[in-house]
């Protein structure tokens, strides 16, 4: 994922807030995952989540493991 795209990913501390996301949207959830924005540089491995389903109770999501690319 391009560095600029990664830095713009929405961040969430509370899972209830993620209900606003749409299918296939990427996001960061939790302190350590959000902290990657400050700690990772181009070429480092990064992780984030992708929405894979939505229900009345919330969203279903899956982890994505990737590398940060230059812009």
PDB file of N, CA and C in Angstrom:
ATOM      1  N   UNK A   1       0.856  -1.172   0.000  1.00  0.00           N
ATOM      2  CA  UNK A   1       0.000   0.000   0.000  1.00  0.00           C
ATOM      3  C   UNK A   1       0.902   1.235   0.000  1.00  0.00           C
ATOM      4  N   UNK A   2       0.534   2.206  -0.774  1.00  0.00           N
ATOM      5  CA  UNK A   2       1.264   3.466  -0.833  1.00  0.00           C
ATOM      6  C   UNK A   2       1.243   4.156   0.528  1.00  0.00           C
ATOM      7  N   UNK A   3       2.343   4.803   0.872  1.00  0.00           N
ATOM      8  CA  UNK A   3       2.483   5.449   2.178  1.00  0.00           C
ATOM      9  C   UNK A   3       1.369   6.470   2.423  1.00  0.00           C
ATOM     10  N   UNK A   4       1.099   7.334   1.458  1.00  0.00           N
ATOM     11  CA  UNK A   4       0.070   8.364   1.628  1.00  0.00           C
ATOM     12  C   UNK A   4      -1.307   7.744   1.863  1.00  0.00           C
ATOM     13  N   UNK A   5      -1.613   6.669   1.166  1.00  0.00           N
ATOM     14  CA  UNK A   5      -2.895   5.983   1.340  1.00  0.00           C
ATOM     15  C   UNK A   5      -2.989   5.398   2.742  1.00  0.00           C
ATOM     16  N   UNK A   6      -1.911   4.754   3.184  1.00  0.00           N
ATOM     17  CA  UNK A   6      -1.893   4.162   4.522  1.00  0.00           C
ATOM     18  C   UNK A   6      -2.093   5.223   5.598  1.00  0.00           C
ATOM     19  N   UNK A   7      -1.432   6.359   5.460  1.00  0.00           N
ATOM     20  CA  UNK A   7      -1.530   7.419   6.464  1.00  0.00           C
ATOM     21  C   UNK A   7      -2.926   8.031   6.529  1.00  0.00           C
ATOM     22  N   UNK A   8      -3.720   7.866   5.476  1.00  0.00           N
ATOM     23  CA  UNK A   8      -5.086   8.413   5.454  1.00  0.00           C
ATOM     24  C   UNK A   8      -6.152   7.407   5.895  1.00  0.00           C
ATOM     25  N   UNK A   9      -5.762   6.179   6.224  1.00  0.00           N
ATOM     26  CA  UNK A   9      -6.756   5.183   6.649  1.00  0.00           C
ATOM     27  C   UNK A   9      -7.478   5.656   7.901  1.00  0.00           C
ATOM     28  N   UNK A  10      -8.797   5.435   7.969  1.00  0.00           N
ATOM     29  CA  UNK A  10      -9.537   5.805   9.174  1.00  0.00           C
ATOM     30  C   UNK A  10      -9.072   4.981  10.369  1.00  0.00           C
ATOM     31  N   UNK A  11      -9.093   5.605  11.551  1.00  0.00           N
ATOM     32  CA  UNK A  11      -8.656   4.969  12.788  1.00  0.00           C
ATOM     33  C   UNK A  11      -9.832   4.833  13.754  1.00  0.00           C
ATOM     34  N   UNK A  12      -9.866   3.699  14.461  1.00  0.00           N
ATOM     35  CA  UNK A  12     -10.933   3.449  15.428  1.00  0.00           C
ATOM     36  C   UNK A  12     -10.368   2.844  16.704  1.00  0.00           C
ATOM     37  N   UNK A  13     -10.838   3.335  17.851  1.00  0.00           N
ATOM     38  CA  UNK A  13     -10.496   2.764  19.158  1.00  0.00           C
ATOM     39  C   UNK A  13     -11.644   1.926  19.692  1.00  0.00           C
ATOM     40  N   UNK A  14     -12.847   2.197  19.195  1.00  0.00           N
ATOM     41  CA  UNK A  14     -14.047   1.509  19.661  1.00  0.00           C
ATOM     42  C   UNK A  14     -14.685   0.793  18.471  1.00  0.00           C
ATOM     43  N   UNK A  15     -14.902  -0.499  18.619  1.00  0.00           N
ATOM     44  CA  UNK A  15     -15.434  -1.292  17.506  1.00  0.00           C
ATOM     45  C   UNK A  15     -16.820  -0.811  17.064  1.00  0.00           C
ATOM     46  N   UNK A  16     -17.594  -0.249  17.962  1.00  0.00           N
ATOM     47  CA  UNK A  16     -18.929   0.247  17.607  1.00  0.00           C
ATOM     48  C   UNK A  16     -18.864   1.354  16.560  1.00  0.00           C
ATOM     49  N   UNK A  17     -17.777   2.127  16.573  1.00  0.00           N
ATOM     50  CA  UNK A  17     -17.622   3.227  15.619  1.00  0.00           C
ATOM     51  C   UNK A  17     -17.405   2.730  14.193  1.00  0.00           C
ATOM     52  N   UNK A  18     -16.977   1.492  14.030  1.00  0.00           N
ATOM     53  CA  UNK A  18     -16.663   0.968  12.696  1.00  0.00           C
ATOM     54  C   UNK A  18     -17.903   0.726  11.837  1.00  0.00           C
ATOM     55  N   UNK A  19     -19.068   0.831  12.415  1.00  0.00           N
ATOM     56  CA  UNK A  19     -20.315   0.592  11.652  1.00  0.00           C
ATOM     57  C   UNK A  19     -20.496   1.546  10.484  1.00  0.00           C
ATOM     58  N   UNK A  20     -19.800   2.667  10.511  1.00  0.00           N
ATOM     59  CA  UNK A  20     -19.927   3.656   9.424  1.00  0.00           C
ATOM     60  C   UNK A  20     -19.186   3.223   8.165  1.00  0.00           C
ATOM     61  N   UNK A  21     -18.325   2.224   8.281  1.00  0.00           N
ATOM     62  CA  UNK A  21     -17.529   1.776   7.133  1.00  0.00           C
ATOM     63  C   UNK A  21     -18.382   1.046   6.101  1.00  0.00           C
ATOM     64  N   UNK A  22     -17.900   1.072   4.873  1.00  0.00           N
ATOM     65  CA  UNK A  22     -18.584   0.397   3.768  1.00  0.00           C
ATOM     66  C   UNK A  22     -17.813  -0.876   3.404  1.00  0.00           C
ATOM     67  N   UNK A  23     -18.455  -1.739   2.639  1.00  0.00           N
ATOM     68  CA  UNK A  23     -17.826  -2.981   2.172  1.00  0.00           C
ATOM     69  C   UNK A  23     -16.502  -2.689   1.463  1.00  0.00           C
ATOM     70  N   UNK A  24     -15.510  -3.535   1.721  1.00  0.00           N
ATOM     71  CA  UNK A  24     -14.183  -3.478   1.115  1.00  0.00           C
ATOM     72  C   UNK A  24     -13.337  -2.290   1.558  1.00  0.00           C
ATOM     73  N   UNK A  25     -13.821  -1.489   2.479  1.00  0.00           N
ATOM     74  CA  UNK A  25     -13.052  -0.345   2.970  1.00  0.00           C
ATOM     75  C   UNK A  25     -11.963  -0.826   3.930  1.00  0.00           C
ATOM     76  N   UNK A  26     -10.811  -0.157   3.913  1.00  0.00           N
ATOM     77  CA  UNK A  26      -9.698  -0.474   4.796  1.00  0.00           C
ATOM     78  C   UNK A  26      -9.717   0.456   6.003  1.00  0.00           C
ATOM     79  N   UNK A  27      -9.209  -0.029   7.154  1.00  0.00           N
ATOM     80  CA  UNK A  27      -9.169   0.798   8.359  1.00  0.00           C
ATOM     81  C   UNK A  27      -8.165   0.235   9.353  1.00  0.00           C
ATOM     82  N   UNK A  28      -7.853   1.047  10.362  1.00  0.00           N
ATOM     83  CA  UNK A  28      -6.983   0.640  11.457  1.00  0.00           C
ATOM     84  C   UNK A  28      -7.815   0.586  12.731  1.00  0.00           C
ATOM     85  N   UNK A  29      -7.577  -0.440  13.547  1.00  0.00           N
ATOM     86  CA  UNK A  29      -8.341  -0.609  14.780  1.00  0.00           C
ATOM     87  C   UNK A  29      -7.392  -1.010  15.902  1.00  0.00           C
ATOM     88  N   UNK A  30      -7.369  -0.224  16.965  1.00  0.00           N
ATOM     89  CA  UNK A  30      -6.542  -0.524  18.124  1.00  0.00           C
ATOM     90  C   UNK A  30      -5.263   0.296  18.155  1.00  0.00           C
ATOM     91  N   UNK A  31      -4.747   0.482  19.370  1.00  0.00           N
ATOM     92  CA  UNK A  31      -3.583   1.348  19.577  1.00  0.00           C
ATOM     93  C   UNK A  31      -2.346   0.901  18.812  1.00  0.00           C
ATOM     94  N   UNK A  32      -2.029  -0.387  18.852  1.00  0.00           N
ATOM     95  CA  UNK A  32      -0.796  -0.829  18.192  1.00  0.00           C
ATOM     96  C   UNK A  32      -0.896  -0.717  16.675  1.00  0.00           C
ATOM     97  N   UNK A  33      -2.065  -0.985  16.133  1.00  0.00           N
ATOM     98  CA  UNK A  33      -2.234  -0.879  14.692  1.00  0.00           C
ATOM     99  C   UNK A  33      -2.190   0.588  14.258  1.00  0.00           C
ATOM    100  N   UNK A  34      -2.829   1.453  15.012  1.00  0.00           N
ATOM    101  CA  UNK A  34      -2.806   2.890  14.707  1.00  0.00           C
ATOM    102  C   UNK A  34      -1.381   3.434  14.847  1.00  0.00           C
ATOM    103  N   UNK A  35      -0.637   2.921  15.823  1.00  0.00           N
ATOM    104  CA  UNK A  35       0.732   3.359  16.062  1.00  0.00           C
ATOM    105  C   UNK A  35       1.672   3.114  14.897  1.00  0.00           C
ATOM    106  N   UNK A  36       1.303   2.225  13.990  1.00  0.00           N
ATOM    107  CA  UNK A  36       2.125   1.971  12.807  1.00  0.00           C
ATOM    108  C   UNK A  36       2.340   3.228  11.985  1.00  0.00           C
ATOM    109  N   UNK A  37       1.384   4.144  12.025  1.00  0.00           N
ATOM    110  CA  UNK A  37       1.492   5.369  11.233  1.00  0.00           C
ATOM    111  C   UNK A  37       2.731   6.162  11.637  1.00  0.00           C
ATOM    112  N   UNK A  38       3.131   6.071  12.888  1.00  0.00           N
ATOM    113  CA  UNK A  38       4.288   6.826  13.362  1.00  0.00           C
ATOM    114  C   UNK A  38       5.571   6.001  13.338  1.00  0.00           C
ATOM    115  N   UNK A  39       5.448   4.679  13.371  1.00  0.00           N
ATOM    116  CA  UNK A  39       6.619   3.827  13.517  1.00  0.00           C
ATOM    117  C   UNK A  39       7.133   3.195  12.232  1.00  0.00           C
ATOM    118  N   UNK A  40       6.309   3.080  11.225  1.00  0.00           N
ATOM    119  CA  UNK A  40       6.687   2.356  10.009  1.00  0.00           C
ATOM    120  C   UNK A  40       7.172   3.306   8.916  1.00  0.00           C
ATOM    121  N   UNK A  41       8.081   2.794   8.111  1.00  0.00           N
ATOM    122  CA  UNK A  41       8.591   3.565   6.980  1.00  0.00           C
ATOM    123  C   UNK A  41       8.479   2.707   5.716  1.00  0.00           C
ATOM    124  N   UNK A  42       8.793   3.307   4.583  1.00  0.00           N
ATOM    125  CA  UNK A  42       8.711   2.610   3.291  1.00  0.00           C
ATOM    126  C   UNK A  42       9.546   1.335   3.357  1.00  0.00           C
ATOM    127  N   UNK A  43       8.942   0.235   2.925  1.00  0.00           N
ATOM    128  CA  UNK A  43       9.600  -1.059   2.922  1.00  0.00           C
ATOM    129  C   UNK A  43       9.255  -1.925   4.127  1.00  0.00           C
ATOM    130  N   UNK A  44       8.727  -1.311   5.187  1.00  0.00           N
ATOM    131  CA  UNK A  44       8.331  -2.067   6.377  1.00  0.00           C
ATOM    132  C   UNK A  44       7.021  -2.790   6.149  1.00  0.00           C
ATOM    133  N   UNK A  45       6.836  -3.882   6.883  1.00  0.00           N
ATOM    134  CA  UNK A  45       5.552  -4.582   6.831  1.00  0.00           C
ATOM    135  C   UNK A  45       4.529  -3.798   7.642  1.00  0.00           C
ATOM    136  N   UNK A  46       3.297  -3.788   7.152  1.00  0.00           N
ATOM    137  CA  UNK A  46       2.191  -3.105   7.820  1.00  0.00           C
ATOM    138  C   UNK A  46       0.988  -4.046   7.844  1.00  0.00           C
ATOM    139  N   UNK A  47       0.058  -3.763   8.726  1.00  0.00           N
ATOM    140  CA  UNK A  47      -1.191  -4.520   8.755  1.00  0.00           C
ATOM    141  C   UNK A  47      -2.346  -3.563   8.989  1.00  0.00           C
ATOM    142  N   UNK A  48      -3.486  -3.945   8.450  1.00  0.00           N
ATOM    143  CA  UNK A  48      -4.704  -3.162   8.569  1.00  0.00           C
ATOM    144  C   UNK A  48      -5.858  -4.111   8.327  1.00  0.00           C
ATOM    145  N   UNK A  49      -7.071  -3.625   8.445  1.00  0.00           N
ATOM    146  CA  UNK A  49      -8.247  -4.472   8.252  1.00  0.00           C
ATOM    147  C   UNK A  49      -9.030  -4.038   7.025  1.00  0.00           C
ATOM    148  N   UNK A  50      -9.782  -5.006   6.458  1.00  0.00           N
ATOM    149  CA  UNK A  50     -10.691  -4.746   5.347  1.00  0.00           C
ATOM    150  C   UNK A  50     -12.070  -5.266   5.725  1.00  0.00           C
ATOM    151  N   UNK A  51     -13.097  -4.451   5.475  1.00  0.00           N
ATOM    152  CA  UNK A  51     -14.472  -4.863   5.740  1.00  0.00           C
ATOM    153  C   UNK A  51     -14.864  -5.919   4.714  1.00  0.00           C
ATOM    154  N   UNK A  52     -15.287  -7.100   5.192  1.00  0.00           N
ATOM    155  CA  UNK A  52     -15.668  -8.186   4.283  1.00  0.00           C
ATOM    156  C   UNK A  52     -17.152  -8.534   4.401  1.00  0.00           C
ATOM    157  N   UNK A  53     -17.854  -7.917   5.354  1.00  0.00           N
ATOM    158  CA  UNK A  53     -19.277  -8.174   5.517  1.00  0.00           C
ATOM    159  C   UNK A  53     -19.909  -7.169   6.458  1.00  0.00           C
ATOM    160  N   UNK A  54     -21.206  -6.965   6.304  1.00  0.00           N
ATOM    161  CA  UNK A  54     -21.953  -6.075   7.186  1.00  0.00           C
ATOM    162  C   UNK A  54     -23.234  -6.769   7.610  1.00  0.00           C
ATOM    163  N   UNK A  55     -23.566  -6.630   8.898  1.00  0.00           N
ATOM    164  CA  UNK A  55     -24.817  -7.152   9.425  1.00  0.00           C
ATOM    165  C   UNK A  55     -25.472  -6.074  10.274  1.00  0.00           C
ATOM    166  N   UNK A  56     -26.651  -6.370  10.794  1.00  0.00           N
ATOM    167  CA  UNK A  56     -27.321  -5.423  11.685  1.00  0.00           C
ATOM    168  C   UNK A  56     -26.530  -5.212  12.974  1.00  0.00           C
ATOM    169  N   UNK A  57     -25.706  -6.183  13.329  1.00  0.00           N
ATOM    170  CA  UNK A  57     -24.936  -6.112  14.567  1.00  0.00           C
ATOM    171  C   UNK A  57     -23.603  -5.392  14.402  1.00  0.00           C
ATOM    172  N   UNK A  58     -23.157  -5.192  13.186  1.00  0.00           N
ATOM    173  CA  UNK A  58     -21.884  -4.524  12.953  1.00  0.00           C
ATOM    174  C   UNK A  58     -21.239  -4.995  11.675  1.00  0.00           C
ATOM    175  N   UNK A  59     -19.907  -4.979  11.662  1.00  0.00           N
ATOM    176  CA  UNK A  59     -19.174  -5.373  10.463  1.00  0.00           C
ATOM    177  C   UNK A  59     -18.365  -6.643  10.727  1.00  0.00           C
ATOM    178  N   UNK A  60     -18.031  -7.318   9.649  1.00  0.00           N
ATOM    179  CA  UNK A  60     -17.072  -8.420   9.678  1.00  0.00           C
ATOM    180  C   UNK A  60     -15.836  -7.910   8.963  1.00  0.00           C
ATOM    181  N   UNK A  61     -14.670  -8.218   9.513  1.00  0.00           N
ATOM    182  CA  UNK A  61     -13.451  -7.726   8.885  1.00  0.00           C
ATOM    183  C   UNK A  61     -12.345  -8.766   8.953  1.00  0.00           C
ATOM    184  N   UNK A  62     -11.376  -8.611   8.045  1.00  0.00           N
ATOM    185  CA  UNK A  62     -10.252  -9.542   7.944  1.00  0.00           C
ATOM    186  C   UNK A  62      -8.949  -8.760   7.952  1.00  0.00           C
ATOM    187  N   UNK A  63      -7.905  -9.320   8.545  1.00  0.00           N
ATOM    188  CA  UNK A  63      -6.605  -8.636   8.538  1.00  0.00           C
ATOM    189  C   UNK A  63      -5.941  -8.730   7.170  1.00  0.00           C
ATOM    190  N   UNK A  64      -5.233  -7.676   6.829  1.00  0.00           N
ATOM    191  CA  UNK A  64      -4.445  -7.622   5.603  1.00  0.00           C
ATOM    192  C   UNK A  64      -2.993  -7.371   6.017  1.00  0.00           C
ATOM    193  N   UNK A  65      -2.090  -8.172   5.503  1.00  0.00           N
ATOM    194  CA  UNK A  65      -0.666  -7.999   5.782  1.00  0.00           C
ATOM    195  C   UNK A  65       0.003  -7.554   4.484  1.00  0.00           C
ATOM    196  N   UNK A  66       0.721  -6.442   4.553  1.00  0.00           N
ATOM    197  CA  UNK A  66       1.200  -5.776   3.347  1.00  0.00           C
ATOM    198  C   UNK A  66       2.557  -5.124   3.656  1.00  0.00           C
ATOM    199  N   UNK A  67       3.090  -4.430   2.663  1.00  0.00           N
ATOM    200  CA  UNK A  67       4.317  -3.635   2.831  1.00  0.00           C
ATOM    201  C   UNK A  67       4.024  -2.198   2.428  1.00  0.00           C
ATOM    202  N   UNK A  68       4.668  -1.255   3.131  1.00  0.00           N
ATOM    203  CA  UNK A  68       4.489   0.146   2.788  1.00  0.00           C
ATOM    204  C   UNK A  68       5.355   0.463   1.576  1.00  0.00           C
ATOM    205  N   UNK A  69       4.723   1.054   0.556  1.00  0.00           N
ATOM    206  CA  UNK A  69       5.414   1.436  -0.679  1.00  0.00           C
ATOM    207  C   UNK A  69       5.575   2.945  -0.733  1.00  0.00           C
ATOM    208  N   UNK A  70       6.557   3.396  -1.480  1.00  0.00           N
ATOM    209  CA  UNK A  70       6.730   4.839  -1.660  1.00  0.00           C
ATOM    210  C   UNK A  70       5.621   5.365  -2.569  1.00  0.00           C
ATOM    211  N   UNK A  71       5.376   6.652  -2.475  1.00  0.00           N
ATOM    212  CA  UNK A  71       4.303   7.270  -3.250  1.00  0.00           C
ATOM    213  C   UNK A  71       4.654   7.482  -4.687  1.00  0.00           C
TER     214      UNK A  71
END
